[in-house]
Amino acid sequence: QVRSEALKITWPSRRETAISTAMVLVMVVFAALFFFAADQLIGWLIR
């Protein structure tokens, strides 16, 4: 039964993996910029 279920797995293609990786990296950059800006703004307001 385990082997039968394992054969049902579909792996992403190389293209799908590359696109997903690029999307994750872009979102990480956006998140980093957002949190940097938020941190700077909060620090400025506190000062």
PDB file of all heavy atoms in Angstrom:
ATOM      1  N   GLN A   1       0.832  -1.205   0.000  1.00  0.00           N
ATOM      2  CA  GLN A   1       0.000   0.000   0.000  1.00  0.00           C
ATOM      3  C   GLN A   1       0.866   1.253   0.000  1.00  0.00           C
ATOM      4  O   GLN A   1       0.562   2.229  -0.701  1.00  0.00           O
ATOM      5  CB  GLN A   1      -0.935   0.000   1.214  1.00  0.00           C
ATOM      6  CG  GLN A   1      -2.013  -1.048   1.150  1.00  0.00           C
ATOM      7  CD  GLN A   1      -2.821  -1.138   2.430  1.00  0.00           C
ATOM      8  OE1 GLN A   1      -2.467  -0.551   3.459  1.00  0.00           O
ATOM      9  NE2 GLN A   1      -3.910  -1.888   2.375  1.00  0.00           N
ATOM     10  N   VAL A   2       1.946   1.236   0.760  1.00  0.00           N
ATOM     11  CA  VAL A   2       2.868   2.377   0.796  1.00  0.00           C
ATOM     12  C   VAL A   2       3.471   2.606  -0.584  1.00  0.00           C
ATOM     13  O   VAL A   2       3.523   3.735  -1.077  1.00  0.00           O
ATOM     14  CB  VAL A   2       3.975   2.165   1.858  1.00  0.00           C
ATOM     15  CG1 VAL A   2       5.079   3.197   1.700  1.00  0.00           C
ATOM     16  CG2 VAL A   2       3.390   2.198   3.253  1.00  0.00           C
ATOM     17  N   ARG A   3       3.904   1.531  -1.239  1.00  0.00           N
ATOM     18  CA  ARG A   3       4.487   1.654  -2.578  1.00  0.00           C
ATOM     19  C   ARG A   3       3.455   2.175  -3.569  1.00  0.00           C
ATOM     20  O   ARG A   3       3.760   3.042  -4.402  1.00  0.00           O
ATOM     21  CB  ARG A   3       5.025   0.299  -3.031  1.00  0.00           C
ATOM     22  CG  ARG A   3       5.773   0.366  -4.343  1.00  0.00           C
ATOM     23  CD  ARG A   3       6.497  -0.945  -4.632  1.00  0.00           C
ATOM     24  NE  ARG A   3       7.320  -0.834  -5.801  1.00  0.00           N
ATOM     25  CZ  ARG A   3       6.897  -1.019  -7.051  1.00  0.00           C
ATOM     26  NH1 ARG A   3       5.641  -1.314  -7.285  1.00  0.00           N
ATOM     27  NH2 ARG A   3       7.730  -0.905  -8.063  1.00  0.00           N
ATOM     28  N   SER A   4       2.234   1.689  -3.456  1.00  0.00           N
ATOM     29  CA  SER A   4       1.169   2.144  -4.347  1.00  0.00           C
ATOM     30  C   SER A   4       0.909   3.636  -4.175  1.00  0.00           C
ATOM     31  O   SER A   4       0.733   4.368  -5.152  1.00  0.00           O
ATOM     32  CB  SER A   4      -0.105   1.351  -4.053  1.00  0.00           C
ATOM     33  OG  SER A   4      -1.197   1.881  -4.731  1.00  0.00           O
ATOM     34  N   GLU A   5       0.886   4.101  -2.936  1.00  0.00           N
ATOM     35  CA  GLU A   5       0.677   5.532  -2.678  1.00  0.00           C
ATOM     36  C   GLU A   5       1.878   6.352  -3.140  1.00  0.00           C
ATOM     37  O   GLU A   5       1.725   7.450  -3.657  1.00  0.00           O
ATOM     38  CB  GLU A   5       0.416   5.777  -1.190  1.00  0.00           C
ATOM     39  CG  GLU A   5      -0.918   5.253  -0.710  1.00  0.00           C
ATOM     40  CD  GLU A   5      -2.099   5.909  -1.389  1.00  0.00           C
ATOM     41  OE1 GLU A   5      -2.072   7.139  -1.610  1.00  0.00           O
ATOM     42  OE2 GLU A   5      -3.055   5.185  -1.711  1.00  0.00           O
ATOM     43  N   ALA A   6       3.082   5.828  -2.959  1.00  0.00           N
ATOM     44  CA  ALA A   6       4.288   6.554  -3.371  1.00  0.00           C
ATOM     45  C   ALA A   6       4.331   6.738  -4.888  1.00  0.00           C
ATOM     46  O   ALA A   6       4.863   7.747  -5.378  1.00  0.00           O
ATOM     47  CB  ALA A   6       5.535   5.826  -2.892  1.00  0.00           C
ATOM     48  N   LEU A   7       3.771   5.799  -5.627  1.00  0.00           N
ATOM     49  CA  LEU A   7       3.766   5.921  -7.091  1.00  0.00           C
ATOM     50  C   LEU A   7       2.815   7.017  -7.567  1.00  0.00           C
ATOM     51  O   LEU A   7       2.907   7.462  -8.704  1.00  0.00           O
ATOM     52  CB  LEU A   7       3.382   4.585  -7.731  1.00  0.00           C
ATOM     53  CG  LEU A   7       4.423   3.470  -7.581  1.00  0.00           C
ATOM     54  CD1 LEU A   7       3.862   2.151  -8.120  1.00  0.00           C
ATOM     55  CD2 LEU A   7       5.716   3.843  -8.280  1.00  0.00           C
ATOM     56  N   LYS A   8       1.923   7.483  -6.703  1.00  0.00           N
ATOM     57  CA  LYS A   8       0.972   8.537  -7.068  1.00  0.00           C
ATOM     58  C   LYS A   8       1.573   9.939  -6.954  1.00  0.00           C
ATOM     59  O   LYS A   8       0.966  10.908  -7.381  1.00  0.00           O
ATOM     60  CB  LYS A   8      -0.268   8.464  -6.173  1.00  0.00           C
ATOM     61  CG  LYS A   8      -1.081   7.210  -6.361  1.00  0.00           C
ATOM     62  CD  LYS A   8      -2.264   7.194  -5.408  1.00  0.00           C
ATOM     63  CE  LYS A   8      -3.034   5.894  -5.482  1.00  0.00           C
ATOM     64  NZ  LYS A   8      -4.143   5.865  -4.511  1.00  0.00           N
ATOM     65  N   ILE A   9       2.761  10.022  -6.371  1.00  0.00           N
ATOM     66  CA  ILE A   9       3.395  11.324  -6.168  1.00  0.00           C
ATOM     67  C   ILE A   9       3.829  11.907  -7.504  1.00  0.00           C
ATOM     68  O   ILE A   9       4.440  11.218  -8.328  1.00  0.00           O
ATOM     69  CB  ILE A   9       4.623  11.204  -5.234  1.00  0.00           C
ATOM     70  CG1 ILE A   9       4.189  10.725  -3.855  1.00  0.00           C
ATOM     71  CG2 ILE A   9       5.381  12.525  -5.150  1.00  0.00           C
ATOM     72  CD1 ILE A   9       5.336  10.389  -2.939  1.00  0.00           C
ATOM     73  N   THR A  10       3.507  13.174  -7.735  1.00  0.00           N
ATOM     74  CA  THR A  10       3.985  13.860  -8.938  1.00  0.00           C
ATOM     75  C   THR A  10       4.972  14.944  -8.507  1.00  0.00           C
ATOM     76  O   THR A  10       4.658  15.791  -7.670  1.00  0.00           O
ATOM     77  CB  THR A  10       2.822  14.514  -9.712  1.00  0.00           C
ATOM     78  OG1 THR A  10       2.138  15.412  -8.848  1.00  0.00           O
ATOM     79  CG2 THR A  10       1.871  13.472 -10.241  1.00  0.00           C
ATOM     80  N   TRP A  11       6.156  14.878  -9.036  1.00  0.00           N
ATOM     81  CA  TRP A  11       7.199  15.835  -8.687  1.00  0.00           C
ATOM     82  C   TRP A  11       7.133  17.017  -9.648  1.00  0.00           C
ATOM     83  O   TRP A  11       6.818  16.860 -10.819  1.00  0.00           O
ATOM     84  CB  TRP A  11       8.571  15.165  -8.765  1.00  0.00           C
ATOM     85  CG  TRP A  11       8.712  14.087  -7.746  1.00  0.00           C
ATOM     86  CD1 TRP A  11       8.556  12.749  -7.945  1.00  0.00           C
ATOM     87  CD2 TRP A  11       9.009  14.253  -6.363  1.00  0.00           C
ATOM     88  NE1 TRP A  11       8.737  12.077  -6.776  1.00  0.00           N
ATOM     89  CE2 TRP A  11       9.024  12.961  -5.782  1.00  0.00           C
ATOM     90  CE3 TRP A  11       9.254  15.354  -5.554  1.00  0.00           C
ATOM     91  CZ2 TRP A  11       9.281  12.759  -4.434  1.00  0.00           C
ATOM     92  CZ3 TRP A  11       9.513  15.146  -4.206  1.00  0.00           C
ATOM     93  CH2 TRP A  11       9.526  13.872  -3.657  1.00  0.00           C
ATOM     94  N   PRO A  12       7.478  18.225  -9.164  1.00  0.00           N
ATOM     95  CA  PRO A  12       7.470  19.388 -10.050  1.00  0.00           C
ATOM     96  C   PRO A  12       8.591  19.284 -11.084  1.00  0.00           C
ATOM     97  O   PRO A  12       9.635  18.686 -10.832  1.00  0.00           O
ATOM     98  CB  PRO A  12       7.707  20.563  -9.102  1.00  0.00           C
ATOM     99  CG  PRO A  12       8.365  19.976  -7.910  1.00  0.00           C
ATOM    100  CD  PRO A  12       7.857  18.573  -7.794  1.00  0.00           C
ATOM    101  N   SER A  13       8.355  19.919 -12.229  1.00  0.00           N
ATOM    102  CA  SER A  13       9.376  19.938 -13.271  1.00  0.00           C
ATOM    103  C   SER A  13      10.487  20.920 -12.881  1.00  0.00           C
ATOM    104  O   SER A  13      10.353  21.697 -11.935  1.00  0.00           O
ATOM    105  CB  SER A  13       8.761  20.373 -14.601  1.00  0.00           C
ATOM    106  OG  SER A  13       8.351  21.723 -14.522  1.00  0.00           O
ATOM    107  N   ARG A  14      11.558  20.885 -13.624  1.00  0.00           N
ATOM    108  CA  ARG A  14      12.679  21.795 -13.362  1.00  0.00           C
ATOM    109  C   ARG A  14      12.220  23.251 -13.502  1.00  0.00           C
ATOM    110  O   ARG A  14      12.587  24.119 -12.715  1.00  0.00           O
ATOM    111  CB  ARG A  14      13.830  21.499 -14.319  1.00  0.00           C
ATOM    112  CG  ARG A  14      15.060  22.358 -14.087  1.00  0.00           C
ATOM    113  CD  ARG A  14      16.180  21.961 -15.028  1.00  0.00           C
ATOM    114  NE  ARG A  14      16.655  20.613 -14.826  1.00  0.00           N
ATOM    115  CZ  ARG A  14      17.635  20.282 -13.977  1.00  0.00           C
ATOM    116  NH1 ARG A  14      18.228  21.219 -13.274  1.00  0.00           N
ATOM    117  NH2 ARG A  14      18.022  19.039 -13.860  1.00  0.00           N
ATOM    118  N   ARG A  15      11.370  23.504 -14.503  1.00  0.00           N
ATOM    119  CA  ARG A  15      10.858  24.869 -14.738  1.00  0.00           C
ATOM    120  C   ARG A  15       9.986  25.326 -13.564  1.00  0.00           C
ATOM    121  O   ARG A  15      10.114  26.459 -13.095  1.00  0.00           O
ATOM    122  CB  ARG A  15      10.063  24.900 -16.045  1.00  0.00           C
ATOM    123  CG  ARG A  15       9.563  26.276 -16.412  1.00  0.00           C
ATOM    124  CD  ARG A  15       8.893  26.253 -17.795  1.00  0.00           C
ATOM    125  NE  ARG A  15       8.494  27.583 -18.201  1.00  0.00           N
ATOM    126  CZ  ARG A  15       7.304  28.128 -17.909  1.00  0.00           C
ATOM    127  NH1 ARG A  15       6.411  27.444 -17.236  1.00  0.00           N
ATOM    128  NH2 ARG A  15       7.023  29.346 -18.311  1.00  0.00           N
ATOM    129  N   GLU A  16       9.099  24.459 -13.101  1.00  0.00           N
ATOM    130  CA  GLU A  16       8.239  24.815 -11.968  1.00  0.00           C
ATOM    131  C   GLU A  16       9.064  25.082 -10.707  1.00  0.00           C
ATOM    132  O   GLU A  16       8.775  26.018  -9.953  1.00  0.00           O
ATOM    133  CB  GLU A  16       7.232  23.694 -11.691  1.00  0.00           C
ATOM    134  CG  GLU A  16       6.169  23.545 -12.751  1.00  0.00           C
ATOM    135  CD  GLU A  16       5.335  22.297 -12.578  1.00  0.00           C
ATOM    136  OE1 GLU A  16       5.843  21.284 -12.039  1.00  0.00           O
ATOM    137  OE2 GLU A  16       4.168  22.332 -13.000  1.00  0.00           O
ATOM    138  N   THR A  17      10.095  24.281 -10.504  1.00  0.00           N
ATOM    139  CA  THR A  17      10.966  24.482  -9.346  1.00  0.00           C
ATOM    140  C   THR A  17      11.702  25.809  -9.445  1.00  0.00           C
ATOM    141  O   THR A  17      11.812  26.544  -8.454  1.00  0.00           O
ATOM    142  CB  THR A  17      11.970  23.318  -9.234  1.00  0.00           C
ATOM    143  OG1 THR A  17      11.241  22.094  -9.158  1.00  0.00           O
ATOM    144  CG2 THR A  17      12.843  23.464  -8.011  1.00  0.00           C
ATOM    145  N   ALA A  18      12.205  26.149 -10.626  1.00  0.00           N
ATOM    146  CA  ALA A  18      12.928  27.408 -10.817  1.00  0.00           C
ATOM    147  C   ALA A  18      12.005  28.602 -10.601  1.00  0.00           C
ATOM    148  O   ALA A  18      12.387  29.581  -9.943  1.00  0.00           O
ATOM    149  CB  ALA A  18      13.547  27.452 -12.212  1.00  0.00           C
ATOM    150  N   ILE A  19      10.785  28.534 -11.131  1.00  0.00           N
ATOM    151  CA  ILE A  19       9.835  29.637 -10.966  1.00  0.00           C
ATOM    152  C   ILE A  19       9.468  29.812  -9.499  1.00  0.00           C
ATOM    153  O   ILE A  19       9.436  30.930  -8.974  1.00  0.00           O
ATOM    154  CB  ILE A  19       8.583  29.406 -11.839  1.00  0.00           C
ATOM    155  CG1 ILE A  19       8.934  29.570 -13.314  1.00  0.00           C
ATOM    156  CG2 ILE A  19       7.461  30.349 -11.444  1.00  0.00           C
ATOM    157  CD1 ILE A  19       7.826  29.158 -14.261  1.00  0.00           C
ATOM    158  N   SER A  20       9.202  28.707  -8.808  1.00  0.00           N
ATOM    159  CA  SER A  20       8.855  28.781  -7.387  1.00  0.00           C
ATOM    160  C   SER A  20      10.005  29.354  -6.560  1.00  0.00           C
ATOM    161  O   SER A  20       9.793  30.175  -5.668  1.00  0.00           O
ATOM    162  CB  SER A  20       8.484  27.395  -6.857  1.00  0.00           C
ATOM    163  OG  SER A  20       7.346  26.913  -7.510  1.00  0.00           O
ATOM    164  N   THR A  21      11.215  28.933  -6.879  1.00  0.00           N
ATOM    165  CA  THR A  21      12.392  29.443  -6.166  1.00  0.00           C
ATOM    166  C   THR A  21      12.541  30.939  -6.385  1.00  0.00           C
ATOM    167  O   THR A  21      12.792  31.700  -5.439  1.00  0.00           O
ATOM    168  CB  THR A  21      13.655  28.699  -6.629  1.00  0.00           C
ATOM    169  OG1 THR A  21      13.482  27.306  -6.375  1.00  0.00           O
ATOM    170  CG2 THR A  21      14.883  29.204  -5.901  1.00  0.00           C
ATOM    171  N   ALA A  22      12.376  31.391  -7.622  1.00  0.00           N
ATOM    172  CA  ALA A  22      12.489  32.821  -7.928  1.00  0.00           C
ATOM    173  C   ALA A  22      11.408  33.617  -7.189  1.00  0.00           C
ATOM    174  O   ALA A  22      11.683  34.692  -6.646  1.00  0.00           O
ATOM    175  CB  ALA A  22      12.382  33.050  -9.430  1.00  0.00           C
ATOM    176  N   MET A  23      10.198  33.079  -7.153  1.00  0.00           N
ATOM    177  CA  MET A  23       9.112  33.773  -6.452  1.00  0.00           C
ATOM    178  C   MET A  23       9.413  33.898  -4.961  1.00  0.00           C
ATOM    179  O   MET A  23       9.175  34.944  -4.350  1.00  0.00           O
ATOM    180  CB  MET A  23       7.785  33.034  -6.670  1.00  0.00           C
ATOM    181  CG  MET A  23       7.262  33.153  -8.088  1.00  0.00           C
ATOM    182  SD  MET A  23       5.830  32.119  -8.425  1.00  0.00           S
ATOM    183  CE  MET A  23       4.663  32.696  -7.227  1.00  0.00           C
ATOM    184  N   VAL A  24       9.941  32.838  -4.373  1.00  0.00           N
ATOM    185  CA  VAL A  24      10.286  32.882  -2.948  1.00  0.00           C
ATOM    186  C   VAL A  24      11.372  33.922  -2.698  1.00  0.00           C
ATOM    187  O   VAL A  24      11.284  34.710  -1.746  1.00  0.00           O
ATOM    188  CB  VAL A  24      10.725  31.485  -2.451  1.00  0.00           C
ATOM    189  CG1 VAL A  24      11.369  31.572  -1.075  1.00  0.00           C
ATOM    190  CG2 VAL A  24       9.535  30.540  -2.419  1.00  0.00           C
ATOM    191  N   LEU A  25      12.387  33.954  -3.535  1.00  0.00           N
ATOM    192  CA  LEU A  25      13.480  34.922  -3.353  1.00  0.00           C
ATOM    193  C   LEU A  25      12.975  36.360  -3.491  1.00  0.00           C
ATOM    194  O   LEU A  25      13.371  37.233  -2.708  1.00  0.00           O
ATOM    195  CB  LEU A  25      14.601  34.643  -4.344  1.00  0.00           C
ATOM    196  CG  LEU A  25      15.375  33.340  -4.099  1.00  0.00           C
ATOM    197  CD1 LEU A  25      16.389  33.105  -5.211  1.00  0.00           C
ATOM    198  CD2 LEU A  25      16.043  33.345  -2.740  1.00  0.00           C
ATOM    199  N   VAL A  26      12.092  36.615  -4.452  1.00  0.00           N
ATOM    200  CA  VAL A  26      11.531  37.960  -4.623  1.00  0.00           C
ATOM    201  C   VAL A  26      10.725  38.346  -3.390  1.00  0.00           C
ATOM    202  O   VAL A  26      10.838  39.473  -2.879  1.00  0.00           O
ATOM    203  CB  VAL A  26      10.672  38.029  -5.908  1.00  0.00           C
ATOM    204  CG1 VAL A  26       9.830  39.277  -5.940  1.00  0.00           C
ATOM    205  CG2 VAL A  26      11.564  37.948  -7.137  1.00  0.00           C
ATOM    206  N   MET A  27       9.912  37.433  -2.879  1.00  0.00           N
ATOM    207  CA  MET A  27       9.100  37.730  -1.694  1.00  0.00           C
ATOM    208  C   MET A  27       9.982  37.964  -0.459  1.00  0.00           C
ATOM    209  O   MET A  27       9.658  38.802   0.379  1.00  0.00           O
ATOM    210  CB  MET A  27       8.103  36.604  -1.435  1.00  0.00           C
ATOM    211  CG  MET A  27       7.009  36.527  -2.484  1.00  0.00           C
ATOM    212  SD  MET A  27       6.119  38.087  -2.729  1.00  0.00           S
ATOM    213  CE  MET A  27       5.355  38.295  -1.145  1.00  0.00           C
ATOM    214  N   VAL A  28      11.087  37.242  -0.351  1.00  0.00           N
ATOM    215  CA  VAL A  28      12.017  37.448   0.766  1.00  0.00           C
ATOM    216  C   VAL A  28      12.618  38.845   0.693  1.00  0.00           C
ATOM    217  O   VAL A  28      12.724  39.541   1.717  1.00  0.00           O
ATOM    218  CB  VAL A  28      13.116  36.361   0.772  1.00  0.00           C
ATOM    219  CG1 VAL A  28      14.275  36.741   1.666  1.00  0.00           C
ATOM    220  CG2 VAL A  28      12.526  35.031   1.197  1.00  0.00           C
ATOM    221  N   VAL A  29      12.979  39.290  -0.503  1.00  0.00           N
ATOM    222  CA  VAL A  29      13.539  40.640  -0.666  1.00  0.00           C
ATOM    223  C   VAL A  29      12.494  41.694  -0.289  1.00  0.00           C
ATOM    224  O   VAL A  29      12.783  42.645   0.446  1.00  0.00           O
ATOM    225  CB  VAL A  29      14.059  40.850  -2.108  1.00  0.00           C
ATOM    226  CG1 VAL A  29      14.376  42.312  -2.369  1.00  0.00           C
ATOM    227  CG2 VAL A  29      15.284  39.991  -2.347  1.00  0.00           C
ATOM    228  N   PHE A  30      11.239  41.514  -0.769  1.00  0.00           N
ATOM    229  CA  PHE A  30      10.171  42.460  -0.412  1.00  0.00           C
ATOM    230  C   PHE A  30       9.940  42.495   1.090  1.00  0.00           C
ATOM    231  O   PHE A  30       9.794  43.562   1.687  1.00  0.00           O
ATOM    232  CB  PHE A  30       8.867  42.125  -1.131  1.00  0.00           C
ATOM    233  CG  PHE A  30       8.833  42.552  -2.570  1.00  0.00           C
ATOM    234  CD1 PHE A  30       8.189  41.769  -3.507  1.00  0.00           C
ATOM    235  CD2 PHE A  30       9.432  43.729  -2.999  1.00  0.00           C
ATOM    236  CE1 PHE A  30       8.143  42.146  -4.843  1.00  0.00           C
ATOM    237  CE2 PHE A  30       9.398  44.117  -4.327  1.00  0.00           C
ATOM    238  CZ  PHE A  30       8.750  43.325  -5.249  1.00  0.00           C
ATOM    239  N   ALA A  31       9.911  41.325   1.726  1.00  0.00           N
ATOM    240  CA  ALA A  31       9.693  41.267   3.168  1.00  0.00           C
ATOM    241  C   ALA A  31      10.844  41.947   3.915  1.00  0.00           C
ATOM    242  O   ALA A  31      10.619  42.693   4.875  1.00  0.00           O
ATOM    243  CB  ALA A  31       9.540  39.817   3.634  1.00  0.00           C
ATOM    244  N   ALA A  32      12.067  41.711   3.472  1.00  0.00           N
ATOM    245  CA  ALA A  32      13.227  42.326   4.123  1.00  0.00           C
ATOM    246  C   ALA A  32      13.169  43.849   4.004  1.00  0.00           C
ATOM    247  O   ALA A  32      13.416  44.570   4.977  1.00  0.00           O
ATOM    248  CB  ALA A  32      14.520  41.798   3.511  1.00  0.00           C
ATOM    249  N   LEU A  33      12.830  44.349   2.828  1.00  0.00           N
ATOM    250  CA  LEU A  33      12.725  45.800   2.638  1.00  0.00           C
ATOM    251  C   LEU A  33      11.599  46.392   3.481  1.00  0.00           C
ATOM    252  O   LEU A  33      11.757  47.456   4.089  1.00  0.00           O
ATOM    253  CB  LEU A  33      12.514  46.126   1.160  1.00  0.00           C
ATOM    254  CG  LEU A  33      13.704  45.844   0.242  1.00  0.00           C
ATOM    255  CD1 LEU A  33      13.305  46.036  -1.213  1.00  0.00           C
ATOM    256  CD2 LEU A  33      14.885  46.719   0.614  1.00  0.00           C
ATOM    257  N   PHE A  34      10.462  45.683   3.530  1.00  0.00           N
ATOM    258  CA  PHE A  34       9.341  46.169   4.333  1.00  0.00           C
ATOM    259  C   PHE A  34       9.724  46.258   5.807  1.00  0.00           C
ATOM    260  O   PHE A  34       9.486  47.278   6.464  1.00  0.00           O
ATOM    261  CB  PHE A  34       8.122  45.252   4.162  1.00  0.00           C
ATOM    262  CG  PHE A  34       7.036  45.553   5.149  1.00  0.00           C
ATOM    263  CD1 PHE A  34       6.201  46.644   4.960  1.00  0.00           C
ATOM    264  CD2 PHE A  34       6.862  44.758   6.263  1.00  0.00           C
ATOM    265  CE1 PHE A  34       5.209  46.941   5.887  1.00  0.00           C
ATOM    266  CE2 PHE A  34       5.872  45.043   7.188  1.00  0.00           C
ATOM    267  CZ  PHE A  34       5.040  46.137   6.995  1.00  0.00           C
ATOM    268  N   PHE A  35      10.303  45.189   6.353  1.00  0.00           N
ATOM    269  CA  PHE A  35      10.650  45.198   7.775  1.00  0.00           C
ATOM    270  C   PHE A  35      11.775  46.178   8.080  1.00  0.00           C
ATOM    271  O   PHE A  35      11.810  46.780   9.164  1.00  0.00           O
ATOM    272  CB  PHE A  35      10.998  43.784   8.260  1.00  0.00           C
ATOM    273  CG  PHE A  35       9.779  42.918   8.395  1.00  0.00           C
ATOM    274  CD1 PHE A  35       9.618  41.809   7.598  1.00  0.00           C
ATOM    275  CD2 PHE A  35       8.778  43.232   9.300  1.00  0.00           C
ATOM    276  CE1 PHE A  35       8.488  41.020   7.707  1.00  0.00           C
ATOM    277  CE2 PHE A  35       7.644  42.453   9.417  1.00  0.00           C
ATOM    278  CZ  PHE A  35       7.494  41.338   8.621  1.00  0.00           C
ATOM    279  N   PHE A  36      12.700  46.390   7.145  1.00  0.00           N
ATOM    280  CA  PHE A  36      13.733  47.404   7.335  1.00  0.00           C
ATOM    281  C   PHE A  36      13.104  48.793   7.418  1.00  0.00           C
ATOM    282  O   PHE A  36      13.421  49.582   8.313  1.00  0.00           O
ATOM    283  CB  PHE A  36      14.759  47.346   6.196  1.00  0.00           C
ATOM    284  CG  PHE A  36      15.783  48.433   6.277  1.00  0.00           C
ATOM    285  CD1 PHE A  36      16.806  48.357   7.204  1.00  0.00           C
ATOM    286  CD2 PHE A  36      15.724  49.540   5.445  1.00  0.00           C
ATOM    287  CE1 PHE A  36      17.756  49.369   7.294  1.00  0.00           C
ATOM    288  CE2 PHE A  36      16.656  50.552   5.521  1.00  0.00           C
ATOM    289  CZ  PHE A  36      17.684  50.458   6.451  1.00  0.00           C
ATOM    290  N   ALA A  37      12.181  49.082   6.493  1.00  0.00           N
ATOM    291  CA  ALA A  37      11.510  50.385   6.492  1.00  0.00           C
ATOM    292  C   ALA A  37      10.661  50.570   7.745  1.00  0.00           C
ATOM    293  O   ALA A  37      10.683  51.642   8.360  1.00  0.00           O
ATOM    294  CB  ALA A  37      10.644  50.529   5.241  1.00  0.00           C
ATOM    295  N   ALA A  38       9.949  49.536   8.152  1.00  0.00           N
ATOM    296  CA  ALA A  38       9.121  49.621   9.357  1.00  0.00           C
ATOM    297  C   ALA A  38      10.000  49.855  10.586  1.00  0.00           C
ATOM    298  O   ALA A  38       9.667  50.675  11.448  1.00  0.00           O
ATOM    299  CB  ALA A  38       8.301  48.352   9.526  1.00  0.00           C
ATOM    300  N   ASP A  39      11.132  49.172  10.661  1.00  0.00           N
ATOM    301  CA  ASP A  39      12.051  49.344  11.788  1.00  0.00           C
ATOM    302  C   ASP A  39      12.609  50.763  11.826  1.00  0.00           C
ATOM    303  O   ASP A  39      12.683  51.388  12.895  1.00  0.00           O
ATOM    304  CB  ASP A  39      13.186  48.330  11.678  1.00  0.00           C
ATOM    305  CG  ASP A  39      14.156  48.426  12.843  1.00  0.00           C
ATOM    306  OD1 ASP A  39      13.700  48.345  13.997  1.00  0.00           O
ATOM    307  OD2 ASP A  39      15.372  48.578  12.579  1.00  0.00           O
ATOM    308  N   GLN A  40      12.992  51.286  10.666  1.00  0.00           N
ATOM    309  CA  GLN A  40      13.513  52.649  10.617  1.00  0.00           C
ATOM    310  C   GLN A  40      12.447  53.660  11.036  1.00  0.00           C
ATOM    311  O   GLN A  40      12.733  54.599  11.783  1.00  0.00           O
ATOM    312  CB  GLN A  40      14.016  52.970   9.206  1.00  0.00           C
ATOM    313  CG  GLN A  40      15.224  52.157   8.784  1.00  0.00           C
ATOM    314  CD  GLN A  40      16.423  52.392   9.674  1.00  0.00           C
ATOM    315  OE1 GLN A  40      16.786  53.521   9.978  1.00  0.00           O
ATOM    316  NE2 GLN A  40      17.033  51.314  10.126  1.00  0.00           N
ATOM    317  N   LEU A  41      11.226  53.481  10.560  1.00  0.00           N
ATOM    318  CA  LEU A  41      10.126  54.384  10.899  1.00  0.00           C
ATOM    319  C   LEU A  41       9.813  54.341  12.390  1.00  0.00           C
ATOM    320  O   LEU A  41       9.679  55.391  13.044  1.00  0.00           O
ATOM    321  CB  LEU A  41       8.872  54.035  10.088  1.00  0.00           C
ATOM    322  CG  LEU A  41       7.638  54.887  10.385  1.00  0.00           C
ATOM    323  CD1 LEU A  41       7.891  56.329   9.982  1.00  0.00           C
ATOM    324  CD2 LEU A  41       6.429  54.327   9.668  1.00  0.00           C
ATOM    325  N   ILE A  42       9.725  53.163  12.961  1.00  0.00           N
ATOM    326  CA  ILE A  42       9.435  53.042  14.392  1.00  0.00           C
ATOM    327  C   ILE A  42      10.563  53.644  15.213  1.00  0.00           C
ATOM    328  O   ILE A  42      10.322  54.347  16.206  1.00  0.00           O
ATOM    329  CB  ILE A  42       9.179  51.567  14.764  1.00  0.00           C
ATOM    330  CG1 ILE A  42       7.872  51.092  14.132  1.00  0.00           C
ATOM    331  CG2 ILE A  42       9.146  51.377  16.270  1.00  0.00           C
ATOM    332  CD1 ILE A  42       7.644  49.596  14.215  1.00  0.00           C
ATOM    333  N   GLY A  43      11.800  53.395  14.816  1.00  0.00           N
ATOM    334  CA  GLY A  43      12.943  53.984  15.528  1.00  0.00           C
ATOM    335  C   GLY A  43      12.914  55.499  15.476  1.00  0.00           C
ATOM    336  O   GLY A  43      13.172  56.180  16.474  1.00  0.00           O
ATOM    337  N   TRP A  44      12.580  56.036  14.302  1.00  0.00           N
ATOM    338  CA  TRP A  44      12.499  57.502  14.152  1.00  0.00           C
ATOM    339  C   TRP A  44      11.391  58.066  15.034  1.00  0.00           C
ATOM    340  O   TRP A  44      11.576  59.096  15.694  1.00  0.00           O
ATOM    341  CB  TRP A  44      12.252  57.842  12.678  1.00  0.00           C
ATOM    342  CG  TRP A  44      12.095  59.310  12.429  1.00  0.00           C
ATOM    343  CD1 TRP A  44      13.088  60.241  12.385  1.00  0.00           C
ATOM    344  CD2 TRP A  44      10.866  59.999  12.217  1.00  0.00           C
ATOM    345  NE1 TRP A  44      12.552  61.483  12.138  1.00  0.00           N
ATOM    346  CE2 TRP A  44      11.184  61.362  12.041  1.00  0.00           C
ATOM    347  CE3 TRP A  44       9.539  59.608  12.156  1.00  0.00           C
ATOM    348  CZ2 TRP A  44      10.211  62.327  11.817  1.00  0.00           C
ATOM    349  CZ3 TRP A  44       8.576  60.565  11.927  1.00  0.00           C
ATOM    350  CH2 TRP A  44       8.911  61.910  11.769  1.00  0.00           C
ATOM    351  N   LEU A  45      10.223  57.407  15.054  1.00  0.00           N
ATOM    352  CA  LEU A  45       9.109  57.881  15.886  1.00  0.00           C
ATOM    353  C   LEU A  45       9.455  57.834  17.374  1.00  0.00           C
ATOM    354  O   LEU A  45       9.132  58.762  18.123  1.00  0.00           O
ATOM    355  CB  LEU A  45       7.847  57.048  15.618  1.00  0.00           C
ATOM    356  CG  LEU A  45       7.187  57.278  14.261  1.00  0.00           C
ATOM    357  CD1 LEU A  45       6.083  56.256  14.045  1.00  0.00           C
ATOM    358  CD2 LEU A  45       6.643  58.695  14.173  1.00  0.00           C
ATOM    359  N   ILE A  46      10.135  56.794  17.804  1.00  0.00           N
ATOM    360  CA  ILE A  46      10.511  56.679  19.220  1.00  0.00           C
ATOM    361  C   ILE A  46      11.509  57.770  19.576  1.00  0.00           C
ATOM    362  O   ILE A  46      11.404  58.409  20.626  1.00  0.00           O
ATOM    363  CB  ILE A  46      11.067  55.284  19.529  1.00  0.00           C
ATOM    364  CG1 ILE A  46       9.931  54.267  19.495  1.00  0.00           C
ATOM    365  CG2 ILE A  46      11.775  55.247  20.879  1.00  0.00           C
ATOM    366  CD1 ILE A  46      10.356  52.830  19.651  1.00  0.00           C
ATOM    367  N   ARG A  47      12.486  58.014  18.708  1.00  0.00           N
ATOM    368  CA  ARG A  47      13.452  59.085  18.968  1.00  0.00           C
ATOM    369  C   ARG A  47      12.748  60.442  19.009  1.00  0.00           C
ATOM    370  O   ARG A  47      13.074  61.306  19.821  1.00  0.00           O
ATOM    371  CB  ARG A  47      14.549  59.091  17.907  1.00  0.00           C
ATOM    372  CG  ARG A  47      15.564  57.986  18.080  1.00  0.00           C
ATOM    373  CD  ARG A  47      16.782  58.149  17.198  1.00  0.00           C
ATOM    374  NE  ARG A  47      16.454  58.169  15.779  1.00  0.00           N
ATOM    375  CZ  ARG A  47      16.313  57.076  15.025  1.00  0.00           C
ATOM    376  NH1 ARG A  47      16.481  55.893  15.554  1.00  0.00           N
ATOM    377  NH2 ARG A  47      16.015  57.186  13.751  1.00  0.00           N
TER     378      ARG A  47
END
